[in-house]
Amino acid sequence: MTPLTIAIGGDHAGLPLKTVLQQALVDAGYSLIDVGTNSADSVDYPDFAHRVAETVEAGQARFGVLVCGTGIGVQIAANRHGAIRAAVLHSAIEARLTRAHNDANIACFGARTTGPEVALDALRAFLDTEFEGGRHARRLAKLAPNG
């Protein structure tokens, strides 16, 4: 069986947390598409958010992970893509609910606002939770362009 593919990216502020999350994903057996950055040099977070979103939209990755200073900037940029439902996560409960109720496909984290252990717990919950469908599918359809 082919391992689940996850696209991961972030800016310079998110690099330390991105590195932790990336290693945990590799250790768990996931296949990664790393869109960068892999340097502490200042970069623009929308560039990496768009790359991850495009990778998920194209079906090259099932999920995406984005990290910047707060998670908010990458979330806003990713959500500009019609097939993307990105959410900033601060806890495992938020991760479970956004997957179960919103079918989120990109998990966003703030390296300046969320510690590595909390982010790891949230990421595990995000990846382990299935979308519930049912009444949530009706609501999700209302989020789609022209919905």
N, C-alpha and C. Protein backbone atom coordinates (compact mmCIF):
# COMPACT_ATOMS: atom_id res chain seq x y z
N MET A 1 0.85 -1.19 0.00
CA MET A 1 0.00 0.00 0.00
C MET A 1 0.89 1.25 0.00
N THR A 2 0.53 2.20 -0.81
CA THR A 2 1.28 3.44 -0.90
C THR A 2 0.98 4.32 0.31
N PRO A 3 2.02 4.91 0.91
CA PRO A 3 1.78 5.77 2.08
C PRO A 3 1.01 7.03 1.68
N LEU A 4 0.24 7.53 2.60
CA LEU A 4 -0.50 8.77 2.38
C LEU A 4 0.48 9.91 2.16
N THR A 5 0.21 10.72 1.14
CA THR A 5 1.11 11.84 0.82
C THR A 5 0.57 13.13 1.42
N ILE A 6 1.47 13.88 2.02
CA ILE A 6 1.15 15.16 2.65
C ILE A 6 2.09 16.21 2.11
N ALA A 7 1.53 17.36 1.69
CA ALA A 7 2.34 18.50 1.27
C ALA A 7 2.61 19.36 2.50
N ILE A 8 3.83 19.83 2.64
CA ILE A 8 4.19 20.63 3.80
C ILE A 8 4.99 21.85 3.36
N GLY A 9 4.73 22.97 4.01
CA GLY A 9 5.45 24.19 3.68
C GLY A 9 5.28 25.23 4.77
N GLY A 10 6.09 26.25 4.67
CA GLY A 10 6.00 27.34 5.62
C GLY A 10 7.05 28.38 5.36
N ASP A 11 6.94 29.46 6.08
CA ASP A 11 7.90 30.55 5.91
C ASP A 11 9.04 30.42 6.92
N HIS A 12 9.91 31.43 6.94
CA HIS A 12 11.08 31.41 7.83
C HIS A 12 10.69 31.36 9.31
N ALA A 13 9.61 32.05 9.69
CA ALA A 13 9.18 32.05 11.08
C ALA A 13 8.66 30.67 11.49
N GLY A 14 8.11 29.95 10.55
CA GLY A 14 7.56 28.64 10.84
C GLY A 14 8.56 27.50 10.73
N LEU A 15 9.76 27.78 10.24
CA LEU A 15 10.72 26.72 9.95
C LEU A 15 11.03 25.80 11.14
N PRO A 16 11.26 26.31 12.35
CA PRO A 16 11.56 25.38 13.45
C PRO A 16 10.42 24.38 13.70
N LEU A 17 9.19 24.85 13.72
CA LEU A 17 8.05 23.95 13.95
C LEU A 17 7.81 23.06 12.73
N LYS A 18 7.96 23.61 11.54
CA LYS A 18 7.81 22.80 10.32
C LYS A 18 8.77 21.62 10.36
N THR A 19 10.00 21.85 10.79
CA THR A 19 11.01 20.79 10.85
C THR A 19 10.59 19.69 11.82
N VAL A 20 10.04 20.06 12.96
CA VAL A 20 9.56 19.08 13.95
C VAL A 20 8.41 18.26 13.37
N LEU A 21 7.44 18.94 12.78
CA LEU A 21 6.28 18.25 12.21
C LEU A 21 6.69 17.35 11.06
N GLN A 22 7.58 17.85 10.24
CA GLN A 22 8.08 17.09 9.09
C GLN A 22 8.74 15.79 9.53
N GLN A 23 9.58 15.86 10.54
CA GLN A 23 10.26 14.66 11.02
C GLN A 23 9.27 13.66 11.61
N ALA A 24 8.28 14.16 12.33
CA ALA A 24 7.26 13.27 12.90
C ALA A 24 6.47 12.57 11.81
N LEU A 25 6.17 13.28 10.74
CA LEU A 25 5.44 12.67 9.62
C LEU A 25 6.28 11.59 8.94
N VAL A 26 7.53 11.88 8.72
CA VAL A 26 8.44 10.89 8.11
C VAL A 26 8.53 9.66 9.03
N ASP A 27 8.70 9.89 10.32
CA ASP A 27 8.81 8.79 11.28
C ASP A 27 7.54 7.94 11.31
N ALA A 28 6.40 8.56 11.05
CA ALA A 28 5.11 7.85 11.05
C ALA A 28 4.84 7.15 9.71
N GLY A 29 5.72 7.33 8.73
CA GLY A 29 5.59 6.62 7.47
C GLY A 29 4.87 7.35 6.36
N TYR A 30 4.58 8.62 6.56
CA TYR A 30 3.93 9.40 5.51
C TYR A 30 4.93 9.77 4.42
N SER A 31 4.44 9.92 3.21
CA SER A 31 5.23 10.43 2.09
C SER A 31 5.03 11.94 2.06
N LEU A 32 6.11 12.70 1.92
CA LEU A 32 6.00 14.16 1.97
C LEU A 32 6.40 14.81 0.66
N ILE A 33 5.70 15.90 0.37
CA ILE A 33 6.11 16.83 -0.68
C ILE A 33 6.44 18.12 0.05
N ASP A 34 7.70 18.43 0.17
CA ASP A 34 8.17 19.62 0.89
C ASP A 34 8.33 20.75 -0.11
N VAL A 35 7.50 21.78 0.02
CA VAL A 35 7.56 22.92 -0.90
C VAL A 35 8.43 24.05 -0.36
N GLY A 36 9.06 23.83 0.82
CA GLY A 36 9.93 24.85 1.40
C GLY A 36 9.21 25.68 2.43
N THR A 37 9.84 26.64 2.95
CA THR A 37 11.22 27.01 2.88
C THR A 37 12.03 26.10 3.79
N ASN A 38 13.29 26.00 3.48
CA ASN A 38 14.20 25.22 4.31
C ASN A 38 15.38 26.07 4.73
N SER A 39 15.11 27.36 4.87
CA SER A 39 16.14 28.33 5.23
C SER A 39 15.55 29.35 6.20
N ALA A 40 16.38 29.93 7.03
CA ALA A 40 15.94 30.97 7.95
C ALA A 40 15.87 32.34 7.27
N ASP A 41 16.24 32.42 5.99
CA ASP A 41 16.16 33.68 5.26
C ASP A 41 14.70 34.11 5.11
N SER A 42 14.45 35.40 5.21
CA SER A 42 13.10 35.93 5.12
C SER A 42 12.48 35.63 3.76
N VAL A 43 11.25 35.09 3.80
CA VAL A 43 10.49 34.77 2.59
C VAL A 43 9.05 35.20 2.79
N ASP A 44 8.25 35.12 1.75
CA ASP A 44 6.85 35.53 1.80
C ASP A 44 5.96 34.30 1.98
N TYR A 45 5.23 34.26 3.10
CA TYR A 45 4.40 33.08 3.42
C TYR A 45 3.37 32.73 2.35
N PRO A 46 2.76 33.70 1.61
CA PRO A 46 1.77 33.29 0.62
C PRO A 46 2.34 32.36 -0.46
N ASP A 47 3.61 32.54 -0.81
CA ASP A 47 4.21 31.70 -1.84
C ASP A 47 4.13 30.23 -1.45
N PHE A 48 4.42 29.91 -0.21
CA PHE A 48 4.44 28.53 0.26
C PHE A 48 3.02 28.01 0.50
N ALA A 49 2.14 28.88 0.98
CA ALA A 49 0.75 28.48 1.17
C ALA A 49 0.11 28.12 -0.16
N HIS A 50 0.36 28.93 -1.18
CA HIS A 50 -0.20 28.63 -2.50
C HIS A 50 0.36 27.33 -3.06
N ARG A 51 1.63 27.07 -2.87
CA ARG A 51 2.23 25.82 -3.37
C ARG A 51 1.60 24.60 -2.71
N VAL A 52 1.42 24.65 -1.40
CA VAL A 52 0.79 23.53 -0.70
C VAL A 52 -0.66 23.38 -1.16
N ALA A 53 -1.39 24.49 -1.24
CA ALA A 53 -2.79 24.43 -1.67
C ALA A 53 -2.91 23.87 -3.09
N GLU A 54 -2.05 24.29 -3.98
CA GLU A 54 -2.09 23.79 -5.35
C GLU A 54 -1.79 22.30 -5.41
N THR A 55 -0.89 21.84 -4.57
CA THR A 55 -0.53 20.43 -4.52
C THR A 55 -1.71 19.59 -4.04
N VAL A 56 -2.41 20.08 -3.02
CA VAL A 56 -3.59 19.37 -2.51
C VAL A 56 -4.72 19.43 -3.54
N GLU A 57 -4.95 20.60 -4.11
CA GLU A 57 -6.01 20.75 -5.13
C GLU A 57 -5.79 19.81 -6.31
N ALA A 58 -4.56 19.64 -6.71
CA ALA A 58 -4.23 18.82 -7.87
C ALA A 58 -4.29 17.32 -7.55
N GLY A 59 -4.49 16.97 -6.29
CA GLY A 59 -4.55 15.58 -5.90
C GLY A 59 -3.20 14.91 -5.74
N GLN A 60 -2.14 15.71 -5.74
CA GLN A 60 -0.80 15.16 -5.55
C GLN A 60 -0.54 14.82 -4.09
N ALA A 61 -1.32 15.43 -3.19
CA ALA A 61 -1.24 15.15 -1.76
C ALA A 61 -2.66 15.14 -1.22
N ARG A 62 -2.93 14.26 -0.27
CA ARG A 62 -4.27 14.18 0.32
C ARG A 62 -4.50 15.34 1.29
N PHE A 63 -3.46 15.69 2.05
CA PHE A 63 -3.55 16.76 3.03
C PHE A 63 -2.35 17.68 2.90
N GLY A 64 -2.49 18.87 3.50
CA GLY A 64 -1.39 19.81 3.57
C GLY A 64 -1.16 20.25 5.00
N VAL A 65 0.07 20.67 5.26
CA VAL A 65 0.46 21.24 6.54
C VAL A 65 1.21 22.53 6.25
N LEU A 66 0.79 23.61 6.89
CA LEU A 66 1.42 24.90 6.69
C LEU A 66 1.79 25.51 8.04
N VAL A 67 2.95 26.18 8.07
CA VAL A 67 3.41 26.80 9.31
C VAL A 67 3.98 28.18 9.01
N CYS A 68 3.50 29.17 9.75
CA CYS A 68 4.10 30.51 9.72
C CYS A 68 4.15 30.98 11.16
N GLY A 69 4.33 32.26 11.38
CA GLY A 69 4.44 32.76 12.75
C GLY A 69 3.19 32.52 13.57
N THR A 70 2.02 32.79 13.00
CA THR A 70 0.75 32.62 13.72
C THR A 70 -0.15 31.54 13.11
N GLY A 71 0.11 31.14 11.89
CA GLY A 71 -0.76 30.21 11.18
C GLY A 71 -1.86 30.94 10.42
N ILE A 72 -2.11 32.18 10.77
CA ILE A 72 -3.22 32.93 10.18
C ILE A 72 -2.94 33.32 8.74
N GLY A 73 -1.76 33.82 8.47
CA GLY A 73 -1.43 34.24 7.11
C GLY A 73 -1.50 33.10 6.11
N VAL A 74 -0.92 31.95 6.47
CA VAL A 74 -0.96 30.81 5.55
C VAL A 74 -2.38 30.28 5.38
N GLN A 75 -3.17 30.36 6.45
CA GLN A 75 -4.57 29.94 6.35
C GLN A 75 -5.32 30.81 5.36
N ILE A 76 -5.17 32.11 5.48
CA ILE A 76 -5.87 33.03 4.57
C ILE A 76 -5.46 32.77 3.13
N ALA A 77 -4.16 32.63 2.89
CA ALA A 77 -3.67 32.40 1.53
C ALA A 77 -4.19 31.07 0.97
N ALA A 78 -4.13 30.02 1.76
CA ALA A 78 -4.57 28.70 1.29
C ALA A 78 -6.06 28.70 0.99
N ASN A 79 -6.84 29.38 1.81
CA ASN A 79 -8.29 29.38 1.63
C ASN A 79 -8.75 30.18 0.42
N ARG A 80 -7.85 30.83 -0.28
CA ARG A 80 -8.19 31.50 -1.53
C ARG A 80 -8.42 30.49 -2.66
N HIS A 81 -8.03 29.25 -2.42
CA HIS A 81 -8.20 28.18 -3.41
C HIS A 81 -9.53 27.49 -3.15
N GLY A 82 -10.32 27.31 -4.20
CA GLY A 82 -11.69 26.82 -4.07
C GLY A 82 -11.84 25.45 -3.43
N ALA A 83 -10.89 24.56 -3.61
CA ALA A 83 -11.01 23.20 -3.07
C ALA A 83 -10.35 23.06 -1.71
N ILE A 84 -9.90 24.15 -1.15
CA ILE A 84 -9.15 24.09 0.10
C ILE A 84 -10.00 24.54 1.27
N ARG A 85 -9.86 23.80 2.36
CA ARG A 85 -10.45 24.16 3.64
C ARG A 85 -9.33 24.06 4.66
N ALA A 86 -8.68 25.20 4.89
CA ALA A 86 -7.53 25.27 5.80
C ALA A 86 -7.98 25.84 7.14
N ALA A 87 -7.43 25.29 8.21
CA ALA A 87 -7.79 25.74 9.55
C ALA A 87 -6.54 25.87 10.42
N VAL A 88 -6.48 26.97 11.18
CA VAL A 88 -5.42 27.12 12.17
C VAL A 88 -5.80 26.27 13.37
N LEU A 89 -4.83 25.47 13.82
CA LEU A 89 -5.09 24.55 14.92
C LEU A 89 -4.25 24.90 16.14
N HIS A 90 -4.92 24.90 17.30
CA HIS A 90 -4.25 25.15 18.58
C HIS A 90 -4.43 23.99 19.54
N SER A 91 -5.17 22.96 19.12
CA SER A 91 -5.43 21.83 20.02
C SER A 91 -5.89 20.62 19.22
N ALA A 92 -5.82 19.47 19.85
CA ALA A 92 -6.29 18.24 19.22
C ALA A 92 -7.80 18.28 19.03
N ILE A 93 -8.53 18.89 19.93
CA ILE A 93 -10.00 18.95 19.78
C ILE A 93 -10.37 19.78 18.56
N GLU A 94 -9.69 20.91 18.35
CA GLU A 94 -9.95 21.69 17.13
C GLU A 94 -9.63 20.86 15.89
N ALA A 95 -8.55 20.11 15.94
CA ALA A 95 -8.16 19.28 14.81
C ALA A 95 -9.22 18.23 14.50
N ARG A 96 -9.70 17.53 15.53
CA ARG A 96 -10.73 16.51 15.32
C ARG A 96 -12.01 17.13 14.76
N LEU A 97 -12.42 18.24 15.33
CA LEU A 97 -13.68 18.85 14.89
C LEU A 97 -13.60 19.43 13.49
N THR A 98 -12.47 20.02 13.14
CA THR A 98 -12.38 20.60 11.79
C THR A 98 -12.32 19.52 10.72
N ARG A 99 -11.78 18.36 11.04
CA ARG A 99 -11.81 17.23 10.10
C ARG A 99 -13.21 16.62 10.06
N ALA A 100 -13.78 16.33 11.23
CA ALA A 100 -15.07 15.65 11.31
C ALA A 100 -16.22 16.49 10.77
N HIS A 101 -16.20 17.78 11.04
CA HIS A 101 -17.32 18.64 10.67
C HIS A 101 -17.07 19.48 9.42
N ASN A 102 -15.84 19.87 9.17
CA ASN A 102 -15.54 20.78 8.06
C ASN A 102 -14.75 20.13 6.94
N ASP A 103 -14.36 18.89 7.11
CA ASP A 103 -13.55 18.17 6.12
C ASP A 103 -12.33 19.00 5.71
N ALA A 104 -11.71 19.65 6.70
CA ALA A 104 -10.52 20.46 6.42
C ALA A 104 -9.45 19.57 5.79
N ASN A 105 -8.71 20.15 4.85
CA ASN A 105 -7.66 19.38 4.17
C ASN A 105 -6.27 19.99 4.32
N ILE A 106 -6.18 21.12 5.00
CA ILE A 106 -4.87 21.69 5.33
C ILE A 106 -4.88 22.15 6.79
N ALA A 107 -3.90 21.65 7.53
CA ALA A 107 -3.71 22.03 8.93
C ALA A 107 -2.66 23.13 8.99
N CYS A 108 -3.01 24.24 9.63
CA CYS A 108 -2.11 25.38 9.74
C CYS A 108 -1.70 25.57 11.21
N PHE A 109 -0.44 25.91 11.40
CA PHE A 109 0.09 26.09 12.75
C PHE A 109 0.89 27.38 12.84
N GLY A 110 0.86 27.97 14.03
CA GLY A 110 1.65 29.15 14.32
C GLY A 110 2.84 28.78 15.19
N ALA A 111 4.02 28.93 14.64
CA ALA A 111 5.23 28.57 15.39
C ALA A 111 5.44 29.48 16.60
N ARG A 112 4.90 30.69 16.55
CA ARG A 112 5.05 31.62 17.67
C ARG A 112 3.92 31.50 18.68
N THR A 113 2.89 30.71 18.35
CA THR A 113 1.71 30.64 19.22
C THR A 113 1.39 29.24 19.72
N THR A 114 1.98 28.22 19.11
CA THR A 114 1.68 26.84 19.47
C THR A 114 2.98 26.06 19.63
N GLY A 115 3.15 25.43 20.79
CA GLY A 115 4.35 24.66 21.04
C GLY A 115 4.39 23.36 20.26
N PRO A 116 5.56 22.77 20.12
CA PRO A 116 5.72 21.56 19.32
C PRO A 116 4.86 20.38 19.79
N GLU A 117 4.77 20.15 21.09
CA GLU A 117 3.99 19.00 21.58
C GLU A 117 2.50 19.16 21.26
N VAL A 118 1.98 20.36 21.47
CA VAL A 118 0.57 20.62 21.16
C VAL A 118 0.34 20.49 19.66
N ALA A 119 1.25 21.03 18.85
CA ALA A 119 1.13 20.93 17.40
C ALA A 119 1.18 19.48 16.94
N LEU A 120 2.07 18.68 17.52
CA LEU A 120 2.15 17.26 17.17
C LEU A 120 0.87 16.52 17.52
N ASP A 121 0.32 16.79 18.70
CA ASP A 121 -0.95 16.16 19.09
C ASP A 121 -2.07 16.56 18.13
N ALA A 122 -2.12 17.83 17.79
CA ALA A 122 -3.16 18.31 16.87
C ALA A 122 -2.99 17.70 15.49
N LEU A 123 -1.78 17.61 15.02
CA LEU A 123 -1.54 17.04 13.70
C LEU A 123 -1.95 15.56 13.67
N ARG A 124 -1.61 14.80 14.71
CA ARG A 124 -2.01 13.39 14.78
C ARG A 124 -3.54 13.27 14.76
N ALA A 125 -4.22 14.11 15.54
CA ALA A 125 -5.68 14.08 15.57
C ALA A 125 -6.27 14.44 14.22
N PHE A 126 -5.69 15.44 13.57
CA PHE A 126 -6.13 15.87 12.24
C PHE A 126 -6.06 14.71 11.26
N LEU A 127 -4.93 14.02 11.23
CA LEU A 127 -4.72 12.95 10.26
C LEU A 127 -5.49 11.68 10.59
N ASP A 128 -5.85 11.49 11.85
CA ASP A 128 -6.55 10.28 12.28
C ASP A 128 -8.08 10.41 12.22
N THR A 129 -8.59 11.58 11.95
CA THR A 129 -10.03 11.82 12.00
C THR A 129 -10.62 11.85 10.60
N GLU A 130 -11.72 11.13 10.43
CA GLU A 130 -12.44 11.10 9.17
C GLU A 130 -13.57 12.14 9.17
N PHE A 131 -13.93 12.61 8.00
CA PHE A 131 -15.08 13.50 7.84
C PHE A 131 -16.35 12.70 8.12
N GLU A 132 -17.26 13.25 8.92
CA GLU A 132 -18.48 12.54 9.31
C GLU A 132 -19.55 12.56 8.24
N GLY A 133 -19.52 13.52 7.33
CA GLY A 133 -20.57 13.60 6.31
C GLY A 133 -21.90 13.98 6.94
N GLY A 134 -22.99 13.40 6.43
CA GLY A 134 -24.32 13.68 6.96
C GLY A 134 -24.66 15.15 6.91
N ARG A 135 -25.16 15.67 8.03
CA ARG A 135 -25.56 17.09 8.08
C ARG A 135 -24.39 18.02 7.77
N HIS A 136 -23.17 17.55 8.05
CA HIS A 136 -21.99 18.37 7.79
C HIS A 136 -21.74 18.51 6.29
N ALA A 137 -22.06 17.50 5.52
CA ALA A 137 -21.88 17.57 4.06
C ALA A 137 -22.78 18.65 3.46
N ARG A 138 -24.00 18.77 3.97
CA ARG A 138 -24.92 19.81 3.49
C ARG A 138 -24.34 21.20 3.76
N ARG A 139 -23.78 21.37 4.92
CA ARG A 139 -23.21 22.66 5.30
C ARG A 139 -21.94 22.94 4.50
N LEU A 140 -21.15 21.90 4.30
CA LEU A 140 -19.92 22.05 3.53
C LEU A 140 -20.23 22.47 2.10
N ALA A 141 -21.29 21.94 1.52
CA ALA A 141 -21.68 22.31 0.15
C ALA A 141 -21.98 23.80 0.04
N LYS A 142 -22.42 24.41 1.12
CA LYS A 142 -22.73 25.83 1.11
C LYS A 142 -21.47 26.69 1.14
N LEU A 143 -20.32 26.08 1.41
CA LEU A 143 -19.06 26.79 1.41
C LEU A 143 -18.40 26.81 0.03
N ALA A 144 -18.82 25.91 -0.83
CA ALA A 144 -18.22 25.78 -2.15
C ALA A 144 -18.53 27.02 -2.99
N PRO A 145 -17.62 27.38 -3.91
CA PRO A 145 -17.91 28.50 -4.81
C PRO A 145 -19.25 28.24 -5.50
N ASN A 146 -20.07 29.25 -5.57
CA ASN A 146 -21.42 29.15 -6.16
C ASN A 146 -22.31 28.18 -5.39
N GLY A 147 -21.96 27.95 -4.11
CA GLY A 147 -22.73 27.01 -3.28
C GLY A 147 -23.93 27.66 -2.71
